[in-house]
Amino acid sequence: MRKTILMMFIMALCTTLSAKSKVFSVTVANTLGIERRDMPVVIDIEDELSDDIQVATALVTCNGTEIPCQLDDFDQDGEYDELIFLADLKGKEKKVYSITISEEGAPRNYKSRVYGAIAIRDRSAKNQKHLPILSLTVPASSNSYQYVYPHGPLLESEYVGFRIYCDHRQSVDYYGHKNKQLELSETQFYPTKEQKSTTYGDDVLYTGSTYGCGTMHGWNGTTSVMFENVRSRTYTLAAAGPLRTIIETVNRGWKISPESKPVDVRTRYILYAGHRDVLVEVKFSRNVGDLRLSTGVTDIVGSESYSDNSGIRACWGRALAGNNPKVYDEHTVGLAVCIPKQYYKGDSHFTNGKEKNPDQAYVALLGTKSDRLHYWFSATCDIESFGFPDSKAWFSHLADWKEDVMNPVKISIAKGK
């Protein structure tokens, strides 16, 4: 019996010793002279950390203090693709982090600072139990808008909430927060009167058939071209916390015009904890120098517009989330997109001319000769107890925001043992 126990102990010890692990030193540098909080540090596991360890868990520390981190497996193949953590840095500060990756264990548990979800609608009259899912693919002939709850996947940080409509528009709708908190798991974009009278926010934007806040569409020279002409549409919850949430859409066989060559378009919407802005990463199945593209923000009726003529397109105005003022409250909303100069091709505007709630938008024209592009969008509203008092403050903030997103932290990795 003793020999058996001893052998089992030796085998367990050998298994523990044989489990692969590696330690890396990561230096993160703030390139700006201002303090910055919750700066994303994103590391490709295979390319930058290890291609010989199937990572099961990771530990990030700074000066001996554990820092929350997140492992993401985008293609659900059982192998993590990226490791991320958030850094707080003073002006021009550098910090050194230690990263330990191991083949054994499980991702460490941290309180989530973001929320992401997609669900199939339960149409029962009472005790609705909407079915959470990870992904949905439909043919172009199927309109999933009424079958996905609440009309599209959700992503939320403490500052903002968004949903992406599950139809040809794929418009980004905006949910304003009263306080810095997560609440979409409870309200699902539809807060009750009781919730709105306390600490909860509300749906504050009417998107119509426009970009809403920052969707990418095509451009025909006059108006945007949405995703009507596709083979299929896919909506995926690619990551759900604790530090970032990612919604991915895929439009296969998209044709902007009858003459254009079809292309598959994968769009990732990435929202980090501590942020009100969303990074949009677009990957095409081929180089798209032949395509005219666009993004922008809804032109709220009577809104004040803003452009710096080099990538910022924004507005500030009074908005209703729907057509009926007896149902929806009116709120002041600020919207903005920020385009890197290599993709920015100018500004435009369109309107359908309707008198009531016209579908109109402030447009930023896009283009790339390669198979990818990226940009950001952001939003604010008067519900916020932490927001901007007027358009002047919002438009002034956008210059600081542009400097921030165009100057990410610098990351250098050194292998330890």
Protein backbone atom coordinates (compact mmCIF):
# COMPACT_ATOMS: atom_id res chain seq x y z
CA MET A 1 0.00 0.00 0.00
CA ARG A 2 2.81 2.39 0.94
CA LYS A 3 4.59 1.59 -2.32
CA THR A 4 1.41 2.33 -4.26
CA ILE A 5 0.95 5.69 -2.53
CA LEU A 6 4.62 6.53 -3.08
CA MET A 7 4.38 5.67 -6.79
CA MET A 8 1.26 7.82 -7.17
CA PHE A 9 3.04 10.74 -5.47
CA ILE A 10 6.08 10.36 -7.72
CA MET A 11 3.89 10.21 -10.84
CA ALA A 12 1.97 13.34 -9.78
CA LEU A 13 5.25 15.13 -9.05
CA CYS A 14 6.68 14.16 -12.43
CA THR A 15 3.52 15.38 -14.17
CA THR A 16 3.78 18.73 -12.33
CA LEU A 17 7.47 19.10 -13.16
CA SER A 18 6.91 18.19 -16.81
CA ALA A 19 4.14 20.77 -17.27
CA LYS A 20 5.59 23.51 -19.43
CA SER A 21 5.62 27.11 -18.27
CA LYS A 22 7.45 30.25 -19.36
CA VAL A 23 8.11 33.66 -17.86
CA PHE A 24 8.37 36.88 -19.88
CA SER A 25 9.25 40.44 -18.99
CA VAL A 26 7.05 43.03 -20.71
CA THR A 27 7.92 46.73 -20.70
CA VAL A 28 5.01 49.09 -21.35
CA ALA A 29 5.83 52.72 -22.13
CA ASN A 30 3.53 55.74 -22.23
CA THR A 31 4.60 57.85 -25.22
CA LEU A 32 2.59 60.89 -24.09
CA GLY A 33 3.30 63.35 -21.29
CA ILE A 34 -0.12 62.87 -19.67
CA GLU A 35 -1.45 60.29 -17.24
CA ARG A 36 -3.37 57.47 -18.95
CA ARG A 37 -5.52 54.79 -17.36
CA ASP A 38 -6.73 51.40 -18.59
CA MET A 39 -4.43 51.41 -21.61
CA PRO A 40 -4.80 48.13 -23.53
CA VAL A 41 -1.76 45.87 -23.70
CA VAL A 42 -2.52 43.19 -26.31
CA ILE A 43 -0.11 40.31 -26.88
CA ASP A 44 -0.33 37.67 -29.61
CA ILE A 45 0.40 34.43 -27.77
CA GLU A 46 1.80 32.40 -30.66
CA ASP A 47 3.80 35.18 -32.33
CA GLU A 48 5.04 37.06 -29.26
CA LEU A 49 5.02 34.66 -26.32
CA SER A 50 5.24 31.02 -27.31
CA ASP A 51 4.57 28.63 -30.16
CA ASP A 52 5.46 25.51 -28.19
CA ILE A 53 3.08 25.84 -25.22
CA GLN A 54 -0.66 25.35 -25.41
CA VAL A 55 -1.49 28.04 -22.88
CA ALA A 56 -4.05 27.09 -20.22
CA THR A 57 -3.50 29.94 -17.76
CA ALA A 58 -1.59 33.19 -17.42
CA LEU A 59 -0.46 35.36 -14.51
CA VAL A 60 0.48 39.04 -14.88
CA THR A 61 2.24 40.91 -12.06
CA CYS A 62 3.83 44.33 -11.62
CA ASN A 63 6.22 44.87 -8.69
CA GLY A 64 4.83 41.72 -7.14
CA THR A 65 1.17 42.81 -7.42
CA GLU A 66 -1.18 40.67 -9.51
CA ILE A 67 -2.80 42.51 -12.45
CA PRO A 68 -6.08 41.20 -13.94
CA CYS A 69 -5.63 39.71 -17.39
CA GLN A 70 -7.74 38.01 -20.05
CA LEU A 71 -7.15 35.13 -22.46
CA ASP A 72 -9.17 35.08 -25.70
CA ASP A 73 -9.78 32.16 -28.07
CA PHE A 74 -11.38 33.76 -31.12
CA ASP A 75 -11.91 30.68 -33.29
CA GLN A 76 -12.99 28.36 -30.43
CA ASP A 77 -10.32 25.79 -31.32
CA GLY A 78 -9.27 25.31 -27.69
CA GLU A 79 -6.09 27.38 -28.03
CA TYR A 80 -5.88 30.95 -26.77
CA ASP A 81 -4.94 33.54 -29.37
CA GLU A 82 -4.36 36.72 -27.36
CA LEU A 83 -3.50 37.77 -23.82
CA ILE A 84 -4.51 41.24 -22.68
CA PHE A 85 -4.21 43.40 -19.59
CA LEU A 86 -4.75 47.10 -18.85
CA ALA A 87 -2.02 49.48 -17.73
CA ASP A 88 -2.20 52.70 -15.69
CA LEU A 89 0.72 54.99 -16.53
CA LYS A 90 1.84 58.47 -15.59
CA GLY A 91 3.15 60.81 -18.28
CA LYS A 92 6.16 59.25 -20.08
CA GLU A 93 6.21 56.45 -17.51
CA LYS A 94 7.48 52.94 -18.18
CA LYS A 95 6.40 49.91 -16.21
CA VAL A 96 7.78 46.38 -16.28
CA TYR A 97 5.30 43.51 -16.03
CA SER A 98 6.02 39.82 -15.50
CA ILE A 99 3.93 37.33 -17.47
CA THR A 100 3.88 33.63 -16.61
CA ILE A 101 2.13 31.28 -19.00
CA SER A 102 1.54 27.61 -18.28
CA GLU A 103 0.05 24.52 -19.91
CA GLU A 104 -1.76 23.51 -16.73
CA GLY A 105 -4.62 25.16 -14.87
CA ALA A 106 -7.42 27.43 -16.01
CA PRO A 107 -7.81 31.17 -16.71
CA ARG A 108 -7.71 33.12 -13.48
CA ASN A 109 -10.95 34.56 -12.13
CA TYR A 110 -11.40 38.35 -12.01
CA LYS A 111 -14.44 40.55 -11.54
CA SER A 112 -15.74 41.50 -14.96
CA ARG A 113 -15.67 45.17 -15.92
CA VAL A 114 -17.43 44.62 -19.25
CA TYR A 115 -20.51 42.81 -20.55
CA GLY A 116 -21.17 41.12 -23.86
CA ALA A 117 -24.11 38.96 -24.95
CA ILE A 118 -26.20 37.65 -27.82
CA ALA A 119 -29.41 35.66 -27.39
CA ILE A 120 -32.31 34.06 -29.23
CA ARG A 121 -35.62 35.68 -28.31
CA ASP A 122 -38.11 33.76 -26.15
CA ARG A 123 -41.55 34.94 -27.30
CA SER A 124 -43.53 33.54 -24.40
CA ALA A 125 -45.75 36.12 -22.74
CA LYS A 126 -44.56 35.37 -19.21
CA ASN A 127 -41.27 34.39 -17.62
CA GLN A 128 -39.25 34.96 -20.77
CA LYS A 129 -35.98 33.07 -20.87
CA HIS A 130 -33.99 34.32 -23.83
CA LEU A 131 -31.46 31.70 -24.92
CA PRO A 132 -27.82 32.85 -24.70
CA ILE A 133 -25.76 31.84 -27.73
CA LEU A 134 -22.21 32.45 -28.93
CA SER A 135 -22.82 32.79 -32.68
CA LEU A 136 -25.55 32.95 -35.30
CA THR A 137 -25.32 32.62 -39.08
CA VAL A 138 -28.27 33.35 -41.35
CA PRO A 139 -28.71 33.52 -45.15
CA ALA A 140 -29.28 36.96 -46.62
CA SER A 141 -32.92 36.06 -47.19
CA SER A 142 -33.48 35.68 -43.43
CA ASN A 143 -34.09 38.79 -41.33
CA SER A 144 -32.88 37.84 -37.86
CA TYR A 145 -33.70 41.25 -36.38
CA GLN A 146 -36.90 40.05 -34.68
CA TYR A 147 -35.42 36.74 -33.54
CA VAL A 148 -32.27 37.95 -31.78
CA TYR A 149 -32.72 39.58 -28.40
CA PRO A 150 -32.57 42.55 -28.08
CA HIS A 151 -32.44 42.97 -31.89
CA GLY A 152 -28.68 42.39 -31.86
CA PRO A 153 -25.61 41.53 -29.80
CA LEU A 154 -24.64 43.80 -26.89
CA LEU A 155 -21.35 45.18 -25.64
CA GLU A 156 -20.91 47.35 -22.56
CA SER A 157 -18.29 49.00 -20.36
CA GLU A 158 -18.84 51.04 -17.22
CA TYR A 159 -19.20 54.13 -19.46
CA VAL A 160 -21.32 53.10 -22.45
CA GLY A 161 -23.47 50.38 -23.97
CA PHE A 162 -24.00 49.50 -27.64
CA ARG A 163 -25.94 46.98 -29.72
CA ILE A 164 -25.41 46.00 -33.34
CA TYR A 165 -28.61 45.45 -35.29
CA CYS A 166 -29.03 41.94 -36.74
CA ASP A 167 -30.14 42.95 -40.21
CA HIS A 168 -28.75 44.50 -43.39
CA ARG A 169 -28.09 47.82 -41.62
CA GLN A 170 -25.93 46.47 -38.78
CA SER A 171 -26.22 49.97 -37.31
CA VAL A 172 -24.58 50.59 -33.94
CA ASP A 173 -27.18 51.80 -31.42
CA TYR A 174 -26.17 53.66 -28.25
CA TYR A 175 -27.29 53.16 -24.64
CA GLY A 176 -26.37 55.94 -22.21
CA HIS A 177 -25.29 55.38 -18.60
CA LYS A 178 -26.26 57.52 -15.64
CA ASN A 179 -23.49 56.13 -13.43
CA LYS A 180 -20.33 54.17 -14.14
CA GLN A 181 -21.73 50.67 -13.85
CA LEU A 182 -22.68 47.57 -15.81
CA GLU A 183 -26.43 47.21 -16.27
CA LEU A 184 -27.31 45.75 -19.67
CA SER A 185 -27.47 42.25 -18.18
CA GLU A 186 -30.49 43.57 -16.26
CA THR A 187 -32.08 46.11 -18.64
CA GLN A 188 -31.15 44.52 -22.00
CA PHE A 189 -31.47 48.01 -23.58
CA TYR A 190 -35.06 48.30 -22.27
CA PRO A 191 -35.01 49.75 -18.74
CA THR A 192 -38.30 50.00 -16.89
CA LYS A 193 -39.66 53.32 -15.63
CA GLU A 194 -38.67 52.25 -12.13
CA GLN A 195 -35.09 51.52 -13.20
CA LYS A 196 -34.78 54.83 -15.08
CA SER A 197 -36.01 56.71 -12.01
CA THR A 198 -33.08 55.34 -9.97
CA THR A 199 -29.53 54.68 -11.16
CA TYR A 200 -30.11 53.16 -14.60
CA GLY A 201 -29.53 54.64 -18.05
CA ASP A 202 -31.54 54.32 -21.26
CA ASP A 203 -31.56 53.81 -25.01
CA VAL A 204 -30.97 57.36 -26.27
CA LEU A 205 -30.47 57.21 -30.06
CA TYR A 206 -32.63 56.77 -33.15
CA THR A 207 -30.37 55.22 -35.78
CA GLY A 208 -32.84 54.67 -38.63
CA SER A 209 -31.13 53.44 -41.79
CA THR A 210 -27.81 55.10 -41.04
CA TYR A 211 -24.52 54.18 -39.42
CA GLY A 212 -25.92 54.90 -35.97
CA CYS A 213 -22.61 55.43 -34.23
CA GLY A 214 -19.74 54.15 -36.36
CA THR A 215 -20.88 51.23 -38.53
CA MET A 216 -18.87 50.67 -41.71
CA HIS A 217 -20.90 50.72 -44.94
CA GLY A 218 -20.08 51.11 -48.59
CA TRP A 219 -20.48 54.38 -50.51
CA ASN A 220 -22.03 54.97 -53.95
CA GLY A 221 -21.17 58.66 -54.21
CA THR A 222 -24.50 59.83 -52.81
CA THR A 223 -25.42 57.63 -49.86
CA SER A 224 -24.19 54.66 -47.87
CA VAL A 225 -24.52 51.09 -49.13
CA MET A 226 -25.50 48.62 -46.44
CA PHE A 227 -25.22 44.83 -46.36
CA GLU A 228 -28.29 43.88 -48.41
CA ASN A 229 -26.39 42.11 -51.19
CA VAL A 230 -24.60 39.31 -49.30
CA ARG A 231 -24.75 35.49 -49.19
CA SER A 232 -24.93 35.29 -45.41
CA ARG A 233 -24.51 37.26 -42.19
CA THR A 234 -22.86 36.02 -39.00
CA TYR A 235 -22.93 37.57 -35.53
CA THR A 236 -20.53 36.26 -32.87
CA LEU A 237 -19.71 37.02 -29.26
CA ALA A 238 -15.94 36.63 -29.62
CA ALA A 239 -14.98 37.74 -26.09
CA ALA A 240 -17.00 38.59 -22.98
CA GLY A 241 -14.63 39.82 -20.31
CA PRO A 242 -13.38 40.48 -17.77
CA LEU A 243 -11.40 43.32 -19.44
CA ARG A 244 -12.77 43.58 -22.94
CA THR A 245 -15.77 42.40 -24.91
CA ILE A 246 -15.72 41.77 -28.67
CA ILE A 247 -18.61 41.42 -31.09
CA GLU A 248 -17.74 40.11 -34.55
CA THR A 249 -19.86 40.34 -37.67
CA VAL A 250 -19.10 38.53 -40.94
CA ASN A 251 -20.80 39.43 -44.22
CA ARG A 252 -19.97 36.89 -46.92
CA GLY A 253 -20.08 37.68 -50.63
CA TRP A 254 -20.84 41.39 -50.16
CA LYS A 255 -21.35 43.34 -53.39
CA ILE A 256 -21.49 47.12 -53.08
CA SER A 257 -22.80 47.38 -56.64
CA PRO A 258 -23.92 44.85 -59.26
CA GLU A 259 -20.60 45.34 -61.05
CA SER A 260 -18.33 45.02 -58.00
CA LYS A 261 -16.37 41.88 -57.19
CA PRO A 262 -17.81 40.16 -54.08
CA VAL A 263 -15.83 40.24 -50.85
CA ASP A 264 -16.15 38.74 -47.38
CA VAL A 265 -16.04 41.33 -44.59
CA ARG A 266 -15.16 40.52 -40.97
CA THR A 267 -15.72 43.39 -38.54
CA ARG A 268 -14.69 43.29 -34.89
CA TYR A 269 -16.07 45.78 -32.37
CA ILE A 270 -13.71 45.89 -29.36
CA LEU A 271 -14.73 47.65 -26.13
CA TYR A 272 -12.28 47.81 -23.20
CA ALA A 273 -13.06 48.34 -19.55
CA GLY A 274 -12.67 51.98 -18.54
CA HIS A 275 -13.38 53.18 -22.10
CA ARG A 276 -16.25 54.92 -23.86
CA ASP A 277 -14.67 54.39 -27.28
CA VAL A 278 -14.84 51.25 -29.43
CA LEU A 279 -12.06 50.05 -31.71
CA VAL A 280 -13.39 48.77 -35.06
CA GLU A 281 -11.12 46.34 -36.92
CA VAL A 282 -12.21 45.39 -40.44
CA LYS A 283 -10.65 42.48 -42.38
CA PHE A 284 -11.55 41.80 -46.00
CA SER A 285 -11.01 38.55 -47.91
CA ARG A 286 -8.99 40.42 -50.54
CA ASN A 287 -7.41 43.78 -51.17
CA VAL A 288 -10.20 46.35 -51.64
CA GLY A 289 -8.58 49.29 -53.41
CA ASP A 290 -11.51 49.12 -55.85
CA LEU A 291 -14.17 49.72 -53.18
CA ARG A 292 -15.55 53.00 -51.87
CA LEU A 293 -16.30 52.70 -48.16
CA SER A 294 -17.73 54.92 -45.46
CA THR A 295 -18.61 55.30 -41.81
CA GLY A 296 -20.06 58.13 -39.78
CA VAL A 297 -22.68 59.10 -37.25
CA THR A 298 -26.42 59.74 -37.38
CA ASP A 299 -27.24 63.36 -38.13
CA ILE A 300 -29.66 63.96 -35.26
CA VAL A 301 -32.34 66.38 -36.45
CA GLY A 302 -31.16 69.91 -35.64
CA SER A 303 -27.77 68.72 -34.42
CA GLU A 304 -24.52 70.65 -34.42
CA SER A 305 -21.84 69.00 -36.54
CA TYR A 306 -18.07 68.96 -36.19
CA SER A 307 -15.14 67.89 -38.35
CA ASP A 308 -11.42 68.50 -38.01
CA ASN A 309 -11.11 67.65 -41.73
CA SER A 310 -8.54 64.99 -40.95
CA GLY A 311 -10.50 62.05 -39.55
CA ILE A 312 -12.83 63.30 -36.79
CA ARG A 313 -16.54 63.42 -37.74
CA ALA A 314 -18.98 64.21 -34.93
CA CYS A 315 -22.25 65.76 -33.83
CA TRP A 316 -24.17 66.99 -30.78
CA GLY A 317 -27.94 67.22 -30.61
CA ARG A 318 -31.27 66.33 -29.01
CA ALA A 319 -32.37 62.79 -29.86
CA LEU A 320 -35.25 60.37 -29.37
CA ALA A 321 -34.65 56.63 -29.38
CA GLY A 322 -37.84 56.12 -31.43
CA ASN A 323 -40.57 57.90 -33.35
CA ASN A 324 -43.04 58.32 -30.48
CA PRO A 325 -42.24 61.12 -27.98
CA LYS A 326 -44.91 59.71 -25.66
CA VAL A 327 -42.84 56.54 -25.29
CA TYR A 328 -39.28 57.75 -25.60
CA ASP A 329 -37.51 60.45 -23.62
CA GLU A 330 -35.53 63.12 -25.43
CA HIS A 331 -31.82 63.35 -24.59
CA THR A 332 -28.80 65.32 -25.71
CA VAL A 333 -26.37 62.98 -27.43
CA GLY A 334 -22.80 63.38 -28.70
CA LEU A 335 -21.45 60.96 -31.33
CA ALA A 336 -18.05 60.73 -33.02
CA VAL A 337 -15.80 58.64 -35.25
CA CYS A 338 -12.02 58.91 -35.53
CA ILE A 339 -10.32 57.68 -38.71
CA PRO A 340 -6.53 57.20 -39.12
CA LYS A 341 -5.20 59.42 -41.88
CA GLN A 342 -4.19 56.49 -44.12
CA TYR A 343 -7.87 55.48 -44.41
CA TYR A 344 -9.56 58.91 -44.31
CA LYS A 345 -10.71 60.14 -47.73
CA GLY A 346 -12.87 63.15 -46.83
CA ASP A 347 -16.28 64.12 -45.44
CA SER A 348 -19.78 63.98 -46.88
CA HIS A 349 -23.43 63.95 -45.83
CA PHE A 350 -26.65 62.27 -46.92
CA THR A 351 -30.37 62.49 -46.17
CA ASN A 352 -33.46 60.74 -47.45
CA GLY A 353 -35.45 63.96 -47.21
CA LYS A 354 -38.25 62.76 -44.94
CA GLU A 355 -39.71 65.49 -42.75
CA LYS A 356 -40.00 63.40 -39.58
CA ASN A 357 -36.96 61.48 -38.36
CA PRO A 358 -35.15 61.56 -41.69
CA ASP A 359 -32.42 58.98 -42.22
CA GLN A 360 -29.46 61.29 -42.52
CA ALA A 361 -25.83 61.09 -41.48
CA TYR A 362 -22.52 62.90 -41.19
CA VAL A 363 -20.15 60.80 -43.28
CA ALA A 364 -16.44 60.00 -43.13
CA LEU A 365 -15.29 58.48 -46.44
CA LEU A 366 -12.92 55.50 -46.18
CA GLY A 367 -10.52 53.67 -48.42
CA THR A 368 -7.68 51.17 -48.24
CA LYS A 369 -5.54 49.45 -50.86
CA SER A 370 -4.93 46.52 -48.55
CA ASP A 371 -7.27 43.93 -47.02
CA ARG A 372 -7.87 45.74 -43.73
CA LEU A 373 -8.58 49.01 -41.99
CA HIS A 374 -9.45 50.24 -38.51
CA TYR A 375 -10.97 53.24 -36.76
CA TRP A 376 -12.78 54.18 -33.54
CA PHE A 377 -16.16 55.53 -32.47
CA SER A 378 -17.32 57.09 -29.21
CA ALA A 379 -20.47 58.51 -27.62
CA THR A 380 -21.82 60.53 -24.69
CA CYS A 381 -25.21 61.80 -23.50
CA ASP A 382 -26.79 64.09 -20.93
CA ILE A 383 -27.84 61.16 -18.71
CA GLU A 384 -24.23 60.80 -17.61
CA SER A 385 -23.26 62.11 -14.19
CA PHE A 386 -19.65 62.02 -15.45
CA GLY A 387 -20.03 63.43 -18.98
CA PHE A 388 -19.77 66.69 -20.92
CA PRO A 389 -21.87 69.81 -20.22
CA ASP A 390 -22.15 71.09 -23.80
CA SER A 391 -21.03 70.68 -27.40
CA LYS A 392 -17.94 72.82 -26.86
CA ALA A 393 -16.68 70.46 -24.16
CA TRP A 394 -17.50 67.39 -26.27
CA PHE A 395 -15.80 68.67 -29.41
CA SER A 396 -12.78 69.80 -27.38
CA HIS A 397 -12.54 66.31 -25.86
CA LEU A 398 -12.38 64.76 -29.32
CA ALA A 399 -8.98 66.32 -30.02
CA ASP A 400 -7.59 64.77 -26.84
CA TRP A 401 -9.26 61.47 -27.71
CA LYS A 402 -7.66 61.47 -31.15
CA GLU A 403 -4.21 62.04 -29.67
CA ASP A 404 -4.83 59.18 -27.23
CA VAL A 405 -5.95 56.54 -29.76
CA MET A 406 -3.30 57.52 -32.31
CA ASN A 407 -0.54 57.04 -29.72
CA PRO A 408 -0.94 53.61 -28.13
CA VAL A 409 1.47 52.44 -25.47
CA LYS A 410 4.71 50.88 -26.69
CA ILE A 411 5.25 47.24 -25.75
CA SER A 412 8.53 45.32 -25.70
CA ILE A 413 8.81 41.68 -24.64
CA ALA A 414 11.89 39.89 -23.27
CA LYS A 415 11.94 36.16 -22.70
CA GLY A 416 12.77 35.07 -19.16
CA LYS A 417 12.94 31.39 -18.33
